[in-house]
C-alpha atoms as a PDB file:
ATOM      1  CA  MET A   1     123.700 118.816 108.735  1.00  0.00           C
ATOM      2  CA  LYS A   2     124.026 117.967 105.049  1.00  0.00           C
ATOM      3  CA  LYS A   3     121.593 115.445 103.584  1.00  0.00           C
ATOM      4  CA  SER A   4     124.399 112.984 102.822  1.00  0.00           C
ATOM      5  CA  ASP A   5     125.591 113.174 106.451  1.00  0.00           C
ATOM      6  CA  ARG A   6     122.035 112.643 107.696  1.00  0.00           C
ATOM      7  CA  ILE A   7     121.637 109.601 105.431  1.00  0.00           C
ATOM      8  CA  SER A   8     124.995 108.164 106.516  1.00  0.00           C
ATOM      9  CA  ALA A   9     123.894 108.495 110.134  1.00  0.00           C
ATOM     10  CA  LEU A  10     120.600 106.782 109.320  1.00  0.00           C
ATOM     11  CA  VAL A  11     122.418 103.911 107.599  1.00  0.00           C
ATOM     12  CA  ALA A  12     124.640 103.505 110.659  1.00  0.00           C
ATOM     13  CA  ASP A  13     121.613 103.638 112.991  1.00  0.00           C
ATOM     14  CA  ILE A  14     119.691 100.928 111.157  1.00  0.00           C
ATOM     15  CA  GLY A  15     122.628  98.569 111.355  1.00  0.00           C
ATOM     16  CA  ALA A  16     123.550  98.357 107.696  1.00  0.00           C
ATOM     17  CA  ALA A  17     127.190  97.767 108.502  1.00  0.00           C
ATOM     18  CA  PRO A  18     129.808  98.683 105.909  1.00  0.00           C
ATOM     19  CA  GLY A  19     132.237  96.072 104.684  1.00  0.00           C
ATOM     20  CA  GLY A  20     129.692  93.445 103.675  1.00  0.00           C
ATOM     21  CA  ALA A  21     129.252  92.010 100.226  1.00  0.00           C
ATOM     22  CA  LEU A  22     126.461  94.494  99.521  1.00  0.00           C
ATOM     23  CA  ASP A  23     126.577  98.246  99.920  1.00  0.00           C
ATOM     24  CA  PRO A  24     125.069  99.311 103.272  1.00  0.00           C
ATOM     25  CA  HIS A  25     122.858 101.824 101.463  1.00  0.00           C
ATOM     26  CA  TYR A  26     121.385  98.949  99.460  1.00  0.00           C
ATOM     27  CA  THR A  27     120.705  96.784 102.505  1.00  0.00           C
ATOM     28  CA  GLY A  28     119.540  99.852 104.424  1.00  0.00           C
ATOM     29  CA  PHE A  29     116.934 100.454 101.741  1.00  0.00           C
ATOM     30  CA  PHE A  30     115.296  97.120 102.599  1.00  0.00           C
ATOM     31  CA  THR A  31     115.419  97.781 106.333  1.00  0.00           C
ATOM     32  CA  CYS A  32     113.651 101.109 105.850  1.00  0.00           C
ATOM     33  CA  PHE A  33     111.176  99.754 103.305  1.00  0.00           C
ATOM     34  CA  ASN A  34     110.190  96.811 105.486  1.00  0.00           C
ATOM     35  CA  THR A  35     109.521  99.100 108.448  1.00  0.00           C
ATOM     36  CA  GLN A  36     107.310 101.286 106.239  1.00  0.00           C
ATOM     37  CA  ARG A  37     109.783 104.159 106.240  1.00  0.00           C
ATOM     38  CA  TYR A  38     109.417 104.556 102.493  1.00  0.00           C
ATOM     39  CA  TYR A  39     110.673 108.117 102.298  1.00  0.00           C
ATOM     40  CA  GLU A  40     113.826 107.134 104.163  1.00  0.00           C
ATOM     41  CA  ALA A  41     114.221 104.045 101.950  1.00  0.00           C
ATOM     42  CA  HIS A  42     114.121 106.370  98.944  1.00  0.00           C
ATOM     43  CA  ASP A  43     116.710 108.710 100.477  1.00  0.00           C
ATOM     44  CA  VAL A  44     119.056 105.929 101.564  1.00  0.00           C
ATOM     45  CA  LEU A  45     119.175 104.275  98.157  1.00  0.00           C
ATOM     46  CA  GLU A  46     119.357 107.614  96.379  1.00  0.00           C
ATOM     47  CA  GLN A  47     122.796 108.119  97.945  1.00  0.00           C
ATOM     48  CA  LEU A  48     124.010 104.950  96.235  1.00  0.00           C
ATOM     49  CA  TRP A  49     122.200 105.785  92.975  1.00  0.00           C
ATOM     50  CA  LEU A  50     123.870 109.214  92.783  1.00  0.00           C
ATOM     51  CA  ARG A  51     127.335 107.661  92.774  1.00  0.00           C
ATOM     52  CA  THR A  52     126.468 104.729  90.494  1.00  0.00           C
ATOM     53  CA  HIS A  53     127.159 104.813  86.764  1.00  0.00           C
ATOM     54  CA  GLY A  54     126.240 102.327  84.073  1.00  0.00           C
ATOM     55  CA  ALA A  55     123.459  99.761  84.024  1.00  0.00           C
ATOM     56  CA  GLU A  56     123.197  99.350  87.805  1.00  0.00           C
ATOM     57  CA  ARG A  57     121.904 102.901  87.962  1.00  0.00           C
ATOM     58  CA  HIS A  58     118.545 101.876  86.425  1.00  0.00           C
ATOM     59  CA  PHE A  59     118.168  99.044  88.927  1.00  0.00           C
ATOM     60  CA  PHE A  60     118.583 101.383  91.872  1.00  0.00           C
ATOM     61  CA  GLN A  61     116.355 103.967  90.209  1.00  0.00           C
ATOM     62  CA  GLY A  62     113.583 101.378  89.887  1.00  0.00           C
ATOM     63  CA  LEU A  63     113.783 100.553  93.592  1.00  0.00           C
ATOM     64  CA  ILE A  64     113.744 104.246  94.462  1.00  0.00           C
ATOM     65  CA  GLN A  65     110.617 104.673  92.333  1.00  0.00           C
ATOM     66  CA  LEU A  66     109.032 101.688  94.066  1.00  0.00           C
ATOM     67  CA  ALA A  67     109.623 103.311  97.450  1.00  0.00           C
ATOM     68  CA  GLY A  68     108.301 106.606  96.075  1.00  0.00           C
ATOM     69  CA  ALA A  69     105.065 104.913  95.005  1.00  0.00           C
ATOM     70  CA  PHE A  70     104.586 103.674  98.545  1.00  0.00           C
ATOM     71  CA  VAL A  71     105.327 107.155  99.911  1.00  0.00           C
ATOM     72  CA  HIS A  72     102.333 108.366  97.899  1.00  0.00           C
ATOM     73  CA  LEU A  73     100.079 105.565  99.115  1.00  0.00           C
ATOM     74  CA  GLN A  74     101.131 105.975 102.732  1.00  0.00           C
ATOM     75  CA  LYS A  75     100.627 109.742 102.742  1.00  0.00           C
ATOM     76  CA  GLN A  76      97.204 109.381 101.136  1.00  0.00           C
ATOM     77  CA  TYR A  77      96.247 106.718 103.683  1.00  0.00           C
ATOM     78  CA  LEU A  78      97.368 108.877 106.615  1.00  0.00           C
ATOM     79  CA  HIS A  79      95.811 112.119 105.326  1.00  0.00           C
ATOM     80  CA  PRO A  80      92.972 111.217 102.918  1.00  0.00           C
ATOM     81  CA  ALA A  81      91.240 114.601 103.234  1.00  0.00           C
ATOM     82  CA  HIS A  82      94.388 116.701 102.825  1.00  0.00           C
ATOM     83  CA  PRO A  83      94.248 118.641  99.525  1.00  0.00           C
ATOM     84  CA  LYS A  84      97.697 117.469  98.407  1.00  0.00           C
ATOM     85  CA  HIS A  85      97.665 113.936  99.775  1.00  0.00           C
ATOM     86  CA  ALA A  86      94.147 113.077  98.595  1.00  0.00           C
ATOM     87  CA  THR A  87      95.327 113.090  94.970  1.00  0.00           C
ATOM     88  CA  ARG A  88      98.316 110.773  95.296  1.00  0.00           C
ATOM     89  CA  MET A  89      96.846 107.654  93.669  1.00  0.00           C
ATOM     90  CA  ARG A  90      97.723 108.573  90.066  1.00  0.00           C
ATOM     91  CA  PRO A  91     101.326 109.529  90.916  1.00  0.00           C
ATOM     92  CA  ALA A  92     101.661 106.253  92.836  1.00  0.00           C
ATOM     93  CA  ALA A  93     100.478 104.217  89.835  1.00  0.00           C
ATOM     94  CA  ARG A  94     102.831 106.164  87.565  1.00  0.00           C
ATOM     95  CA  LEU A  95     105.800 105.401  89.841  1.00  0.00           C
ATOM     96  CA  PHE A  96     104.882 101.703  89.949  1.00  0.00           C
ATOM     97  CA  ARG A  97     104.952 101.711  86.127  1.00  0.00           C
ATOM     98  CA  LEU A  98     108.316 103.488  86.015  1.00  0.00           C
ATOM     99  CA  ALA A  99     109.745 101.154  88.653  1.00  0.00           C
ATOM    100  CA  ALA A 100     108.666  98.125  86.623  1.00  0.00           C
ATOM    101  CA  GLU A 101     110.181  99.568  83.435  1.00  0.00           C
ATOM    102  CA  ASN A 102     113.509 100.164  85.152  1.00  0.00           C
ATOM    103  CA  LEU A 103     113.571  96.804  86.948  1.00  0.00           C
ATOM    104  CA  GLU A 104     112.376  94.583  84.068  1.00  0.00           C
ATOM    105  CA  PRO A 105     115.849  94.100  82.518  1.00  0.00           C
ATOM    106  CA  TYR A 106     117.135  92.699  85.825  1.00  0.00           C
ATOM    107  CA  ALA A 107     114.548  89.912  86.161  1.00  0.00           C
ATOM    108  CA  PRO A 108     114.366  87.302  87.397  1.00  0.00           C
ATOM    109  CA  ARG A 109     117.036  87.971  90.087  1.00  0.00           C
ATOM    110  CA  HIS A 110     119.620  90.653  90.668  1.00  0.00           C
ATOM    111  CA  LEU A 111     121.791  91.524  93.658  1.00  0.00           C
ATOM    112  CA  ARG A 112     120.069  88.824  95.741  1.00  0.00           C
ATOM    113  CA  LEU A 113     116.624  90.317  95.034  1.00  0.00           C
ATOM    114  CA  ASP A 114     113.715  88.454  93.430  1.00  0.00           C
ATOM    115  CA  VAL A 115     113.078  91.088  90.757  1.00  0.00           C
ATOM    116  CA  ALA A 116     110.338  88.998  89.148  1.00  0.00           C
ATOM    117  CA  ALA A 117     108.393  89.178  92.430  1.00  0.00           C
ATOM    118  CA  ILE A 118     108.854  92.971  92.521  1.00  0.00           C
ATOM    119  CA  LEU A 119     107.497  93.205  88.978  1.00  0.00           C
ATOM    120  CA  ARG A 120     104.430  91.183  90.005  1.00  0.00           C
ATOM    121  CA  LEU A 121     104.013  93.476  93.010  1.00  0.00           C
ATOM    122  CA  CYS A 122     104.136  96.572  90.785  1.00  0.00           C
ATOM    123  CA  ARG A 123     101.560  95.123  88.393  1.00  0.00           C
ATOM    124  CA  GLN A 124      99.296  94.124  91.280  1.00  0.00           C
ATOM    125  CA  TRP A 125      99.327  97.627  92.770  1.00  0.00           C
ATOM    126  CA  ILE A 126      98.802  99.282  89.370  1.00  0.00           C
ATOM    127  CA  GLU A 127      95.826  96.992  88.759  1.00  0.00           C
ATOM    128  CA  GLU A 128      94.293  97.579  92.202  1.00  0.00           C
ATOM    129  CA  ILE A 129      94.668 101.344  91.978  1.00  0.00           C
ATOM    130  CA  GLY A 130      93.309 101.470  88.433  1.00  0.00           C
ATOM    131  CA  ALA A 131      90.403  99.104  89.145  1.00  0.00           C
ATOM    132  CA  ALA A 132      89.133 101.601  91.704  1.00  0.00           C
ATOM    133  CA  ASP A 133      89.531 104.438  89.175  1.00  0.00           C
ATOM    134  CA  PHE A 134      92.237 105.982  91.377  1.00  0.00           C
ATOM    135  CA  ALA A 135      89.667 106.601  94.126  1.00  0.00           C
ATOM    136  CA  VAL A 136      90.530 103.841  96.632  1.00  0.00           C
ATOM    137  CA  ASN A 137      93.892 103.333  98.255  1.00  0.00           C
ATOM    138  CA  PRO A 138      94.707  99.613  98.533  1.00  0.00           C
ATOM    139  CA  TRP A 139      97.608 100.228 100.940  1.00  0.00           C
ATOM    140  CA  HIS A 140      97.124  99.490 104.621  1.00  0.00           C
ATOM    141  CA  PRO A 141      99.923  99.325 107.201  1.00  0.00           C
ATOM    142  CA  ALA A 142      98.804  95.903 108.420  1.00  0.00           C
ATOM    143  CA  GLN A 143      99.187  94.403 104.932  1.00  0.00           C
ATOM    144  CA  ALA A 144     102.173  96.385 103.669  1.00  0.00           C
ATOM    145  CA  PRO A 145     104.521  94.308 101.510  1.00  0.00           C
ATOM    146  CA  ALA A 146     108.029  93.424 102.608  1.00  0.00           C
ATOM    147  CA  LEU A 147     111.060  92.933 100.365  1.00  0.00           C
ATOM    148  CA  HIS A 148     113.697  90.338 101.221  1.00  0.00           C
ATOM    149  CA  LEU A 149     117.139  89.608  99.904  1.00  0.00           C
ATOM    150  CA  SER A 150     118.100  85.989  99.436  1.00  0.00           C
ATOM    151  CA  PRO A 151     121.094  84.658 101.361  1.00  0.00           C
ATOM    152  CA  ALA A 152     124.447  85.057  99.671  1.00  0.00           C
END
C-alpha cells in the first residue's frame, strides 16, 4: 500500500470526514496529536502540506515540525537507554524553534487555531529542555499538551 493510501485510510478511520470547512487532513492532524500519535499527526498533515503552495505551506510545515518535536520527546521517554532515542532532546528543541519560526507570521489566530498559544508552548518546551542542558525530558504522557480548534 502506498503511503498516501495508508494516510487516506487513517484519515477516514479517525473520523476526519471530507466535505467540511477544513481539510480532513488538517482536522485529522489534531485528532492524532491529541491522542499522542505524533508520528501519525506528522504524516497526516504532510499529505496536505505536499499539495499546498504559497504562504499556507509554512503554516502546515510549522505544525508538522511541532509534531516532529513531540515524536522525539516521546521516543526518548519510551526508550531512554536506546542509543538513538537517548539523544533526541537537541533535535526536539531544534524542531520547536523551527515550528515557532514558521508559525509566527500566522499569530495570533489562523485556520481556527490559537497560534499565539502554540508559540508559547514551543517557547516553554525549548526553555524546559534547555534548562536541563538537554539531559531531562519534560514530556510525560499524563501531561501531554492538547491542541484545539475554535468553533467555526
